[in-house]
Amino acid sequence: MPIVFERGETLEAINAESGYAGGFTVSIEHDILVDRRHLSGMSLHTSLCRVFSTKADLTGDATIGIAEFSFLDENGVSQTVVFGPAPSGGGGLGNEEKWAAQIWSRGVFRFTIAAFALRAAVKGSWFLQLWE
């Protein structure tokens, strides 16, 4: 399976609130605009490059991952997978504790990478490969 496309980027989030804080999420959504009929699959990976607490007591928390992705099933019907849907159907990017670190799939046409920081700074990366 030769690789026909590769791409990667970094993503950063910072939250330095004191007291009660809900954290900060940043995300990027990508559409894959290629003829998927000739692709045998794809892989998408995320990695946490750096995390540091913005508080002296080191109570920070940070995550990077795949929040959701959409694909065409074998019948050509669009399906969306949301990792850790928000409680009570609240929408958004769901529960950052459930975001996937990597996926392997076919027919993917859209994916969302997200980073979350709570009293922390996070730097992560993602990397996509499409195979023929």
Protein backbone atom coordinates (compact mmCIF):
# COMPACT_ATOMS: atom_id res chain seq x y z
CA MET A 1 0.00 0.00 0.00
CA PRO A 2 1.85 3.10 -1.15
CA ILE A 3 1.27 6.32 0.76
CA VAL A 4 -0.35 8.90 -1.51
CA PHE A 5 -0.68 11.79 0.96
CA GLU A 6 0.81 12.86 4.29
CA ARG A 7 0.20 15.90 6.43
CA GLY A 8 0.78 16.96 10.02
CA GLU A 9 0.64 20.04 12.21
CA THR A 10 0.98 21.17 15.80
CA LEU A 11 -1.80 22.45 18.02
CA GLU A 12 -1.45 24.46 21.25
CA ALA A 13 -3.80 25.52 24.06
CA ILE A 14 -3.17 27.56 27.22
CA ASN A 15 -5.39 28.16 30.24
CA ALA A 16 -4.09 30.12 33.25
CA GLU A 17 -7.32 30.82 35.14
CA SER A 18 -7.30 30.77 38.92
CA GLY A 19 -10.04 29.54 41.23
CA TYR A 20 -12.82 27.54 39.61
CA ALA A 21 -12.09 27.10 35.92
CA GLY A 22 -13.69 25.09 33.17
CA GLY A 23 -10.59 24.94 31.00
CA PHE A 24 -10.01 25.94 27.40
CA THR A 25 -10.44 23.87 24.22
CA VAL A 26 -9.07 24.68 20.79
CA SER A 27 -9.84 22.57 17.74
CA ILE A 28 -9.23 22.33 14.03
CA GLU A 29 -11.48 20.56 11.55
CA HIS A 30 -10.13 19.17 8.30
CA ASP A 31 -11.90 17.95 5.19
CA ILE A 32 -10.18 15.34 3.02
CA LEU A 33 -10.86 16.40 -0.55
CA VAL A 34 -9.50 13.53 -2.60
CA ASP A 35 -11.08 10.79 -4.68
CA ARG A 36 -11.53 8.16 -1.97
CA ARG A 37 -12.48 5.40 -4.43
CA HIS A 38 -8.80 4.59 -4.92
CA LEU A 39 -7.81 4.69 -1.25
CA SER A 40 -7.46 1.53 0.79
CA GLY A 41 -7.35 3.35 4.10
CA MET A 42 -6.00 6.09 6.29
CA SER A 43 -4.34 6.53 9.64
CA LEU A 44 -4.52 9.54 11.92
CA HIS A 45 -2.32 9.85 15.00
CA THR A 46 -2.00 12.47 17.72
CA SER A 47 0.84 12.98 20.18
CA LEU A 48 1.33 15.06 23.29
CA CYS A 49 4.58 16.99 22.89
CA ARG A 50 4.64 19.18 26.00
CA VAL A 51 2.48 19.88 29.02
CA PHE A 52 3.24 22.23 31.87
CA SER A 53 1.14 23.52 34.72
CA THR A 54 0.48 27.26 34.85
CA LYS A 55 -0.02 27.02 38.65
CA ALA A 56 2.64 26.61 41.34
CA ASP A 57 0.73 23.67 42.88
CA LEU A 58 1.00 21.74 39.57
CA THR A 59 -2.75 21.06 39.34
CA GLY A 60 -2.87 21.44 35.57
CA ASP A 61 -4.53 19.03 33.15
CA ALA A 62 -4.15 18.78 29.38
CA THR A 63 -5.21 16.52 26.51
CA ILE A 64 -4.89 16.35 22.75
CA GLY A 65 -6.76 13.89 20.58
CA ILE A 66 -9.23 13.12 17.84
CA ALA A 67 -12.58 14.47 18.98
CA GLU A 68 -14.61 13.17 16.04
CA PHE A 69 -14.44 11.96 12.46
CA SER A 70 -16.88 11.33 9.61
CA PHE A 71 -16.71 8.59 6.99
CA LEU A 72 -18.74 6.95 4.24
CA ASP A 73 -19.85 3.42 5.09
CA GLU A 74 -19.97 0.54 2.57
CA ASN A 75 -23.35 1.84 1.33
CA GLY A 76 -22.02 5.37 0.78
CA VAL A 77 -23.92 6.74 3.78
CA SER A 78 -22.20 9.37 5.93
CA GLN A 79 -21.49 8.31 9.52
CA THR A 80 -19.95 10.39 12.31
CA VAL A 81 -18.08 9.02 15.32
CA VAL A 82 -17.84 11.35 18.34
CA PHE A 83 -15.44 10.18 21.04
CA GLY A 84 -16.97 10.78 24.45
CA PRO A 85 -20.14 12.67 23.51
CA ALA A 86 -20.93 15.58 25.80
CA PRO A 87 -23.12 14.69 28.80
CA SER A 88 -26.87 15.17 28.30
CA GLY A 89 -26.42 15.66 24.55
CA GLY A 90 -24.80 19.05 25.17
CA GLY A 91 -23.03 19.04 21.81
CA GLY A 92 -19.58 20.46 21.38
CA LEU A 93 -16.48 18.30 21.25
CA GLY A 94 -17.56 15.91 23.97
CA ASN A 95 -15.46 14.62 26.83
CA GLU A 96 -11.73 15.19 26.32
CA GLU A 97 -10.96 12.14 28.48
CA LYS A 98 -12.50 9.97 25.73
CA TRP A 99 -10.81 11.52 22.68
CA ALA A 100 -8.97 8.94 20.58
CA ALA A 101 -5.19 8.99 20.24
CA GLN A 102 -5.29 7.37 16.80
CA ILE A 103 -7.69 5.90 14.26
CA TRP A 104 -7.37 3.64 11.22
CA SER A 105 -10.32 3.67 8.86
CA ARG A 106 -11.61 3.79 5.31
CA GLY A 107 -13.76 6.42 3.65
CA VAL A 108 -12.90 9.21 6.10
CA PHE A 109 -13.72 12.63 4.70
CA ARG A 110 -13.61 14.87 7.80
CA PHE A 111 -11.86 14.83 11.16
CA THR A 112 -11.52 17.16 14.15
CA ILE A 113 -8.38 17.38 16.28
CA ALA A 114 -8.74 19.14 19.63
CA ALA A 115 -6.53 20.22 22.53
CA PHE A 116 -7.78 20.93 26.04
CA ALA A 117 -5.97 22.79 28.82
CA LEU A 118 -7.03 23.42 32.43
CA ARG A 119 -4.54 25.50 34.40
CA ALA A 120 -1.93 24.25 31.96
CA ALA A 121 -0.31 24.78 28.59
CA VAL A 122 -0.26 21.96 26.06
CA LYS A 123 1.47 21.49 22.75
CA GLY A 124 0.67 18.47 20.64
CA SER A 125 0.77 17.29 17.07
CA TRP A 126 -1.22 15.23 14.61
CA PHE A 127 -0.19 13.26 11.55
CA LEU A 128 -2.36 11.90 8.70
CA GLN A 129 -1.50 9.30 6.06
CA LEU A 130 -3.69 8.17 3.14
CA TRP A 131 -2.90 4.89 1.37
CA GLU A 132 -3.69 3.76 -2.14
